[in-house]
């Protein structure tokens, strides 16, 4: 890109890039294809875990319904990259996800960023000990176990957050312009993503780490005028 790459706190080794697409320009369908591209071209994995973060509960529900529907173009876009089965879960369903599912399927967990913050009610459930997930932690290498979140007593909880961390998810950020905060970065750090891909019409352009402002790393951008010329802008 010939642009300087801007790292964010505690995520220096994580590719964290942005695709700047106008509103109505097809961000969601691009995000669906991006799951396969990141898995195959970067991670070289057939069965990745993807954490898909929507900006609102309404958009989360819409995305969840679309990706669960095998006849929907979004679901078909994901399927076009994989031969493995695809499992789409909300946060509540993920609280009982099986290790065999994570090992054998492409798993997409749909949530909001707010739901991953420990201050939120759902967030607390994600970080809490959960007996249904205990089997994910049996026979773990001690060095790997040391990388996981611990509770106040220094014990590793059988939490969904730790299951996600073990699997280094691809993170898809829909409408990411409200997510470039120190709190958001801290949340991502706790989940140990393999890469983060933002989709937004209005990325963060200013960069001043002293003020906690970190610009988006725009991998590519397209204007509304360019899309209109190609009849690619969604009509009202």
Protein backbone atom coordinates (compact mmCIF):
# COMPACT_ATOMS: atom_id res chain seq x y z
CA UNK A 1 0.00 0.00 0.00
CA UNK A 2 3.03 2.30 0.45
CA UNK A 3 1.40 3.48 3.69
CA UNK A 4 2.95 3.31 7.14
CA UNK A 5 1.45 0.51 9.23
CA UNK A 6 0.18 1.77 12.59
CA UNK A 7 0.32 -0.66 15.49
CA UNK A 8 -2.08 -0.47 18.42
CA UNK A 9 -1.27 -1.20 22.09
CA UNK A 10 -0.50 -4.84 22.90
CA UNK A 11 -1.54 -6.04 19.42
CA UNK A 12 1.72 -5.34 17.62
CA UNK A 13 1.98 -8.85 16.16
CA UNK A 14 -1.64 -8.99 14.99
CA UNK A 15 -2.44 -7.85 11.43
CA UNK A 16 -5.11 -5.19 12.00
CA UNK A 17 -6.36 -3.75 8.73
CA UNK A 18 -9.32 -1.83 7.35
CA UNK A 19 -11.36 -1.97 4.15
CA UNK A 20 -13.00 1.40 3.57
CA UNK A 21 -16.32 0.86 1.79
CA UNK A 22 -19.16 3.41 1.44
CA UNK A 23 -22.47 2.76 3.15
CA UNK A 24 -24.49 0.44 0.92
CA UNK A 25 -21.36 -0.70 -0.88
CA UNK A 26 -21.50 -4.36 0.15
CA UNK A 27 -19.38 -4.51 3.30
CA UNK A 28 -21.13 -7.62 4.63
CA UNK A 29 -20.72 -9.72 1.50
CA UNK A 30 -17.04 -8.70 1.40
CA UNK A 31 -16.68 -9.67 5.04
CA UNK A 32 -18.10 -13.11 4.26
CA UNK A 33 -15.48 -13.65 1.56
CA UNK A 34 -12.78 -12.27 3.87
CA UNK A 35 -13.27 -15.12 6.33
CA UNK A 36 -12.17 -17.60 3.67
CA UNK A 37 -9.33 -15.41 2.39
CA UNK A 38 -7.87 -14.91 5.88
CA UNK A 39 -8.24 -18.60 6.75
CA UNK A 40 -6.73 -19.96 3.55
CA UNK A 41 -4.16 -17.35 2.54
CA UNK A 42 -2.94 -16.22 5.96
CA UNK A 43 -3.69 -18.93 8.53
CA UNK A 44 -3.63 -21.89 6.11
CA UNK A 45 -6.51 -23.40 8.03
CA UNK A 46 -9.59 -25.22 6.80
CA UNK A 47 -11.48 -24.95 10.09
CA UNK A 48 -10.95 -21.47 11.56
CA UNK A 49 -12.83 -19.79 14.35
CA UNK A 50 -14.26 -16.42 13.34
CA UNK A 51 -15.51 -13.85 15.85
CA UNK A 52 -17.87 -11.57 13.92
CA UNK A 53 -18.66 -8.34 15.76
CA UNK A 54 -21.69 -6.30 14.72
CA UNK A 55 -22.21 -2.66 15.77
CA UNK A 56 -25.71 -3.10 17.22
CA UNK A 57 -28.00 -5.84 18.50
CA UNK A 58 -30.31 -5.34 15.51
CA UNK A 59 -27.51 -5.83 12.97
CA UNK A 60 -26.16 -8.74 15.03
CA UNK A 61 -29.55 -10.48 14.80
CA UNK A 62 -29.85 -9.79 11.07
CA UNK A 63 -26.34 -11.10 10.39
CA UNK A 64 -26.93 -14.17 12.55
CA UNK A 65 -30.14 -15.03 10.71
CA UNK A 66 -28.53 -14.52 7.30
CA UNK A 67 -25.46 -16.62 8.06
CA UNK A 68 -27.56 -19.45 9.48
CA UNK A 69 -29.69 -19.51 6.31
CA UNK A 70 -27.99 -21.76 3.75
CA UNK A 71 -29.97 -20.14 0.94
CA UNK A 72 -28.76 -16.63 1.79
CA UNK A 73 -25.97 -15.06 -0.32
CA UNK A 74 -23.96 -14.24 2.82
CA UNK A 75 -23.90 -17.88 3.90
CA UNK A 76 -23.14 -19.00 0.35
CA UNK A 77 -20.22 -16.55 0.18
CA UNK A 78 -18.67 -18.16 3.27
CA UNK A 79 -19.36 -21.67 1.97
CA UNK A 80 -17.65 -20.89 -1.34
CA UNK A 81 -14.26 -20.89 0.42
CA UNK A 82 -14.59 -24.08 2.47
CA UNK A 83 -15.31 -27.78 2.16
CA UNK A 84 -15.70 -28.21 5.95
CA UNK A 85 -19.11 -27.84 7.62
CA UNK A 86 -20.01 -24.35 8.82
CA UNK A 87 -21.49 -23.68 12.25
CA UNK A 88 -22.92 -20.25 13.10
CA UNK A 89 -23.56 -19.44 16.77
CA UNK A 90 -24.67 -16.56 18.93
CA UNK A 91 -22.92 -15.96 22.25
CA UNK A 92 -25.41 -18.03 24.26
CA UNK A 93 -25.02 -21.01 21.91
CA UNK A 94 -21.24 -20.64 22.02
CA UNK A 95 -21.30 -21.09 25.81
CA UNK A 96 -21.73 -24.82 25.19
CA UNK A 97 -19.71 -25.24 21.98
CA UNK A 98 -18.01 -28.61 21.66
CA UNK A 99 -14.28 -29.04 21.06
CA UNK A 100 -15.07 -31.43 18.21
CA UNK A 101 -17.10 -28.67 16.54
CA UNK A 102 -14.20 -26.22 16.75
CA UNK A 103 -11.78 -28.85 15.45
CA UNK A 104 -13.93 -30.04 12.57
CA UNK A 105 -16.04 -27.07 11.49
CA UNK A 106 -15.71 -23.49 10.37
CA UNK A 107 -17.23 -21.80 13.43
CA UNK A 108 -18.55 -18.23 13.29
CA UNK A 109 -19.64 -16.60 16.57
CA UNK A 110 -21.80 -13.52 16.04
CA UNK A 111 -21.76 -10.91 18.80
CA UNK A 112 -21.41 -7.21 19.51
CA UNK A 113 -18.22 -5.73 20.86
CA UNK A 114 -20.16 -4.48 23.89
CA UNK A 115 -21.14 -8.08 24.72
CA UNK A 116 -17.45 -9.02 25.02
CA UNK A 117 -16.71 -6.39 27.63
CA UNK A 118 -16.68 -7.63 31.18
CA UNK A 119 -18.79 -4.65 32.30
CA UNK A 120 -21.71 -6.04 30.27
CA UNK A 121 -23.95 -8.82 31.65
CA UNK A 122 -23.21 -11.06 28.65
CA UNK A 123 -19.54 -10.17 28.97
CA UNK A 124 -19.43 -11.47 32.51
CA UNK A 125 -20.85 -14.80 31.34
CA UNK A 126 -18.15 -15.04 28.66
CA UNK A 127 -15.37 -14.70 31.23
CA UNK A 128 -16.98 -16.87 33.93
CA UNK A 129 -16.10 -20.48 34.72
CA UNK A 130 -18.39 -22.79 32.75
CA UNK A 131 -18.42 -26.54 33.36
CA UNK A 132 -19.85 -27.20 29.89
CA UNK A 133 -16.52 -26.05 28.43
CA UNK A 134 -14.22 -28.03 30.74
CA UNK A 135 -13.33 -30.58 28.06
CA UNK A 136 -11.57 -27.86 26.02
CA UNK A 137 -8.92 -27.61 28.76
CA UNK A 138 -8.06 -31.25 29.42
CA UNK A 139 -4.49 -32.31 28.56
CA UNK A 140 -3.44 -28.74 27.74
CA UNK A 141 0.28 -28.10 27.51
CA UNK A 142 1.27 -26.16 30.68
CA UNK A 143 2.98 -23.45 28.60
CA UNK A 144 -0.25 -22.94 26.67
CA UNK A 145 -2.32 -22.91 29.85
CA UNK A 146 -0.07 -20.13 31.20
CA UNK A 147 -1.22 -17.84 28.35
CA UNK A 148 -4.88 -18.03 29.37
CA UNK A 149 -6.91 -15.65 31.53
CA UNK A 150 -6.86 -16.37 35.25
CA UNK A 151 -9.34 -15.44 37.94
CA UNK A 152 -8.52 -13.62 41.19
CA UNK A 153 -7.24 -16.86 42.75
CA UNK A 154 -4.80 -17.48 39.90
CA UNK A 155 -6.90 -20.34 38.50
CA UNK A 156 -7.68 -20.65 34.79
CA UNK A 157 -11.49 -20.62 34.44
CA UNK A 158 -13.23 -22.86 31.93
CA UNK A 159 -14.60 -19.79 30.18
CA UNK A 160 -15.75 -19.05 26.65
CA UNK A 161 -13.18 -16.24 26.54
CA UNK A 162 -10.41 -18.75 27.17
CA UNK A 163 -11.81 -21.16 24.56
CA UNK A 164 -11.79 -18.31 22.04
CA UNK A 165 -8.26 -17.37 23.08
CA UNK A 166 -7.06 -20.96 22.57
CA UNK A 167 -8.32 -20.83 18.98
CA UNK A 168 -6.93 -17.40 17.96
CA UNK A 169 -9.98 -16.20 16.04
CA UNK A 170 -10.23 -14.21 12.85
CA UNK A 171 -12.04 -11.06 13.98
CA UNK A 172 -14.43 -9.34 11.57
CA UNK A 173 -15.42 -5.83 12.67
CA UNK A 174 -18.57 -4.52 11.00
CA UNK A 175 -18.86 -0.70 11.11
CA UNK A 176 -15.58 -0.50 12.99
CA UNK A 177 -15.26 3.27 13.33
CA UNK A 178 -16.66 3.19 16.89
CA UNK A 179 -14.37 0.38 18.02
CA UNK A 180 -10.91 1.97 17.95
CA UNK A 181 -10.66 2.73 21.66
CA UNK A 182 -8.27 1.64 24.38
CA UNK A 183 -11.11 -0.41 25.92
CA UNK A 184 -11.72 -2.18 22.61
CA UNK A 185 -8.04 -2.92 22.13
CA UNK A 186 -7.87 -4.36 25.66
CA UNK A 187 -10.85 -6.59 24.89
CA UNK A 188 -9.18 -7.88 21.73
CA UNK A 189 -5.95 -8.54 23.60
CA UNK A 190 -7.81 -10.79 26.05
CA UNK A 191 -9.11 -12.90 23.14
CA UNK A 192 -5.78 -13.25 21.27
CA UNK A 193 -7.00 -12.83 17.67
CA UNK A 194 -4.95 -14.05 14.73
CA UNK A 195 -5.99 -11.04 12.67
CA UNK A 196 -8.57 -8.23 12.71
CA UNK A 197 -10.34 -6.94 9.60
CA UNK A 198 -12.39 -3.76 9.85
CA UNK A 199 -15.14 -2.73 7.44
CA UNK A 200 -16.32 0.86 7.61
CA UNK A 201 -17.20 3.93 5.55
CA UNK A 202 -15.57 6.24 8.09
CA UNK A 203 -12.26 4.85 9.39
CA UNK A 204 -10.14 6.55 12.02
CA UNK A 205 -7.68 8.76 10.12
CA UNK A 206 -6.00 10.68 12.93
CA UNK A 207 -3.09 9.10 14.77
CA UNK A 208 -1.80 10.35 18.11
CA UNK A 209 -0.84 7.58 20.55
CA UNK A 210 -0.25 10.16 23.31
CA UNK A 211 -3.98 10.88 23.23
CA UNK A 212 -4.96 7.23 22.75
CA UNK A 213 -5.85 7.82 19.08
CA UNK A 214 -4.74 5.17 16.58
CA UNK A 215 -5.49 5.42 12.88
CA UNK A 216 -6.95 2.55 10.90
CA UNK A 217 -4.61 0.70 8.55
CA UNK A 218 -6.54 1.13 5.31
CA UNK A 219 -5.63 -1.77 3.06
CA UNK A 220 -7.92 -0.57 0.28
CA UNK A 221 -10.68 1.96 -0.21
CA UNK A 222 -13.29 2.64 -2.86
CA UNK A 223 -15.44 5.73 -3.32
CA UNK A 224 -19.20 5.90 -3.68
CA UNK A 225 -18.69 7.45 -7.14
CA UNK A 226 -16.65 4.44 -8.28
CA UNK A 227 -19.31 2.04 -7.06
CA UNK A 228 -22.09 4.06 -8.67
CA UNK A 229 -20.33 3.90 -12.04
CA UNK A 230 -20.37 0.09 -11.73
CA UNK A 231 -24.02 0.01 -10.53
CA UNK A 232 -22.79 -1.54 -7.29
CA UNK A 233 -24.42 0.68 -4.68
CA UNK A 234 -27.40 -0.78 -2.86
CA UNK A 235 -30.60 1.10 -3.69
CA UNK A 236 -32.91 2.42 -0.93
